[in-house]
């Protein structure tokens, strides 16, 4: 019984709730345009955002402070040809929070 009383507080300290992710929406379009939208009733402070392509850092940018309903273009990266994945990580979000996606193909027009 004594061992259980010692073990229980240790077990409870390991079961901490995971913080929720802020509801800011980051997106990278098929042509590489990076946007962020605040679809909430809350304002969010300025933050740093890092965009990755195929898990390689592609663009570091500053997201301005966002009022409710704001949507802004953060920048543009050069997406690769073929299949690629993207991810945007913000300094305002916990490390497990990020937006990501993929595009099957990107066709280049040859003049």
C-alpha atoms as a PDB file:
ATOM      1  CA  UNK A   1       0.000   0.000   0.000  1.00  0.00           C
ATOM      2  CA  UNK A   2       2.862   2.381   0.814  1.00  0.00           C
ATOM      3  CA  UNK A   3       4.367   1.833  -2.666  1.00  0.00           C
ATOM      4  CA  UNK A   4       1.021   2.705  -4.293  1.00  0.00           C
ATOM      5  CA  UNK A   5       0.798   5.980  -2.346  1.00  0.00           C
ATOM      6  CA  UNK A   6       4.275   6.964  -3.578  1.00  0.00           C
ATOM      7  CA  UNK A   7       3.615   5.869  -7.177  1.00  0.00           C
ATOM      8  CA  UNK A   8       0.241   7.622  -7.559  1.00  0.00           C
ATOM      9  CA  UNK A   9       1.527  11.257  -7.331  1.00  0.00           C
ATOM     10  CA  UNK A  10       4.275  10.425  -9.848  1.00  0.00           C
ATOM     11  CA  UNK A  11       1.726   8.927 -12.216  1.00  0.00           C
ATOM     12  CA  UNK A  12      -0.596  11.925 -11.884  1.00  0.00           C
ATOM     13  CA  UNK A  13       2.246  14.370 -12.609  1.00  0.00           C
ATOM     14  CA  UNK A  14       2.928  12.547 -15.901  1.00  0.00           C
ATOM     15  CA  UNK A  15      -0.695  12.936 -17.018  1.00  0.00           C
ATOM     16  CA  UNK A  16      -0.696  16.665 -17.689  1.00  0.00           C
ATOM     17  CA  UNK A  17      -3.249  18.002 -20.173  1.00  0.00           C
ATOM     18  CA  UNK A  18      -1.961  18.863 -23.636  1.00  0.00           C
ATOM     19  CA  UNK A  19      -2.406  22.613 -24.339  1.00  0.00           C
ATOM     20  CA  UNK A  20      -4.848  23.408 -27.093  1.00  0.00           C
ATOM     21  CA  UNK A  21      -3.697  24.881 -30.380  1.00  0.00           C
ATOM     22  CA  UNK A  22      -4.564  28.491 -31.236  1.00  0.00           C
ATOM     23  CA  UNK A  23      -7.154  28.607 -33.997  1.00  0.00           C
ATOM     24  CA  UNK A  24      -4.998  30.572 -36.458  1.00  0.00           C
ATOM     25  CA  UNK A  25      -5.120  29.013 -39.914  1.00  0.00           C
ATOM     26  CA  UNK A  26      -1.887  28.892 -41.908  1.00  0.00           C
ATOM     27  CA  UNK A  27      -1.981  27.742 -45.523  1.00  0.00           C
ATOM     28  CA  UNK A  28       0.441  27.316 -48.417  1.00  0.00           C
ATOM     29  CA  UNK A  29      -1.186  27.353 -51.852  1.00  0.00           C
ATOM     30  CA  UNK A  30      -0.086  25.197 -54.785  1.00  0.00           C
ATOM     31  CA  UNK A  31       1.876  28.178 -56.173  1.00  0.00           C
ATOM     32  CA  UNK A  32       3.683  28.776 -52.842  1.00  0.00           C
ATOM     33  CA  UNK A  33       1.721  31.706 -51.380  1.00  0.00           C
ATOM     34  CA  UNK A  34       1.684  31.521 -47.567  1.00  0.00           C
ATOM     35  CA  UNK A  35      -1.314  33.003 -45.736  1.00  0.00           C
ATOM     36  CA  UNK A  36      -2.568  33.157 -42.169  1.00  0.00           C
ATOM     37  CA  UNK A  37      -6.155  33.801 -41.111  1.00  0.00           C
ATOM     38  CA  UNK A  38      -7.661  34.596 -37.735  1.00  0.00           C
ATOM     39  CA  UNK A  39     -11.166  33.146 -37.872  1.00  0.00           C
ATOM     40  CA  UNK A  40     -11.858  33.805 -34.197  1.00  0.00           C
ATOM     41  CA  UNK A  41     -13.231  36.574 -31.998  1.00  0.00           C
ATOM     42  CA  UNK A  42      -9.804  37.018 -30.332  1.00  0.00           C
ATOM     43  CA  UNK A  43      -6.766  39.071 -31.329  1.00  0.00           C
ATOM     44  CA  UNK A  44      -3.333  37.432 -31.616  1.00  0.00           C
ATOM     45  CA  UNK A  45       0.090  39.082 -31.226  1.00  0.00           C
ATOM     46  CA  UNK A  46       2.837  39.269 -33.822  1.00  0.00           C
ATOM     47  CA  UNK A  47       4.672  35.964 -34.221  1.00  0.00           C
ATOM     48  CA  UNK A  48       7.409  34.275 -36.197  1.00  0.00           C
ATOM     49  CA  UNK A  49       6.393  31.647 -38.738  1.00  0.00           C
ATOM     50  CA  UNK A  50       8.610  29.070 -40.432  1.00  0.00           C
ATOM     51  CA  UNK A  51       7.445  27.385 -43.626  1.00  0.00           C
ATOM     52  CA  UNK A  52       8.879  24.003 -44.588  1.00  0.00           C
ATOM     53  CA  UNK A  53       8.794  22.207 -47.928  1.00  0.00           C
ATOM     54  CA  UNK A  54       9.462  18.473 -47.778  1.00  0.00           C
ATOM     55  CA  UNK A  55      10.598  18.984 -44.147  1.00  0.00           C
ATOM     56  CA  UNK A  56      13.310  21.468 -45.192  1.00  0.00           C
ATOM     57  CA  UNK A  57      13.060  25.096 -43.946  1.00  0.00           C
ATOM     58  CA  UNK A  58      11.974  27.188 -46.927  1.00  0.00           C
ATOM     59  CA  UNK A  59      10.933  30.606 -45.586  1.00  0.00           C
ATOM     60  CA  UNK A  60      11.030  32.394 -42.230  1.00  0.00           C
ATOM     61  CA  UNK A  61       8.609  35.294 -41.957  1.00  0.00           C
ATOM     62  CA  UNK A  62       6.861  37.517 -39.426  1.00  0.00           C
ATOM     63  CA  UNK A  63       3.116  37.225 -39.023  1.00  0.00           C
ATOM     64  CA  UNK A  64       1.704  40.590 -37.925  1.00  0.00           C
ATOM     65  CA  UNK A  65      -0.666  40.971 -35.003  1.00  0.00           C
ATOM     66  CA  UNK A  66      -4.060  39.748 -36.171  1.00  0.00           C
ATOM     67  CA  UNK A  67      -7.434  41.190 -35.233  1.00  0.00           C
ATOM     68  CA  UNK A  68     -10.536  39.011 -35.440  1.00  0.00           C
ATOM     69  CA  UNK A  69     -11.312  38.157 -39.073  1.00  0.00           C
ATOM     70  CA  UNK A  70      -7.917  39.277 -40.438  1.00  0.00           C
ATOM     71  CA  UNK A  71      -6.250  37.323 -43.233  1.00  0.00           C
ATOM     72  CA  UNK A  72      -2.812  38.279 -44.571  1.00  0.00           C
ATOM     73  CA  UNK A  73      -0.284  37.012 -47.086  1.00  0.00           C
ATOM     74  CA  UNK A  74       2.992  36.271 -45.300  1.00  0.00           C
ATOM     75  CA  UNK A  75       5.162  35.605 -48.319  1.00  0.00           C
ATOM     76  CA  UNK A  76       5.819  33.263 -51.188  1.00  0.00           C
ATOM     77  CA  UNK A  77       8.114  30.306 -51.580  1.00  0.00           C
ATOM     78  CA  UNK A  78       9.158  28.428 -54.720  1.00  0.00           C
ATOM     79  CA  UNK A  79       7.447  25.041 -54.628  1.00  0.00           C
ATOM     80  CA  UNK A  80       9.256  22.108 -56.231  1.00  0.00           C
ATOM     81  CA  UNK A  81       7.961  20.212 -59.248  1.00  0.00           C
ATOM     82  CA  UNK A  82       6.163  16.952 -58.568  1.00  0.00           C
ATOM     83  CA  UNK A  83       4.755  15.822 -55.250  1.00  0.00           C
ATOM     84  CA  UNK A  84       5.599  17.962 -52.224  1.00  0.00           C
ATOM     85  CA  UNK A  85       4.468  18.549 -48.678  1.00  0.00           C
ATOM     86  CA  UNK A  86       4.348  21.779 -46.692  1.00  0.00           C
ATOM     87  CA  UNK A  87       4.194  22.689 -43.030  1.00  0.00           C
ATOM     88  CA  UNK A  88       4.003  26.064 -41.240  1.00  0.00           C
ATOM     89  CA  UNK A  89       5.062  26.348 -37.590  1.00  0.00           C
ATOM     90  CA  UNK A  90       4.362  29.503 -35.563  1.00  0.00           C
ATOM     91  CA  UNK A  91       6.182  30.783 -32.497  1.00  0.00           C
ATOM     92  CA  UNK A  92       2.749  31.494 -30.946  1.00  0.00           C
ATOM     93  CA  UNK A  93       1.707  27.844 -31.053  1.00  0.00           C
ATOM     94  CA  UNK A  94       2.862  24.926 -28.914  1.00  0.00           C
ATOM     95  CA  UNK A  95       5.381  22.704 -30.699  1.00  0.00           C
ATOM     96  CA  UNK A  96       2.786  20.017 -31.466  1.00  0.00           C
ATOM     97  CA  UNK A  97       0.573  22.565 -33.283  1.00  0.00           C
ATOM     98  CA  UNK A  98       1.172  23.278 -36.946  1.00  0.00           C
ATOM     99  CA  UNK A  99      -0.657  23.272 -40.248  1.00  0.00           C
ATOM    100  CA  UNK A 100       0.456  21.065 -43.105  1.00  0.00           C
ATOM    101  CA  UNK A 101      -0.658  19.740 -46.455  1.00  0.00           C
ATOM    102  CA  UNK A 102       0.540  18.345 -49.742  1.00  0.00           C
ATOM    103  CA  UNK A 103       0.134  18.770 -53.447  1.00  0.00           C
ATOM    104  CA  UNK A 104       0.266  15.851 -55.852  1.00  0.00           C
ATOM    105  CA  UNK A 105       1.749  17.669 -58.860  1.00  0.00           C
ATOM    106  CA  UNK A 106       2.792  21.110 -59.958  1.00  0.00           C
ATOM    107  CA  UNK A 107       3.025  21.615 -63.703  1.00  0.00           C
ATOM    108  CA  UNK A 108       5.484  24.135 -65.094  1.00  0.00           C
ATOM    109  CA  UNK A 109       4.453  25.956 -68.242  1.00  0.00           C
ATOM    110  CA  UNK A 110       7.247  25.980 -70.803  1.00  0.00           C
ATOM    111  CA  UNK A 111       7.023  28.953 -73.186  1.00  0.00           C
END
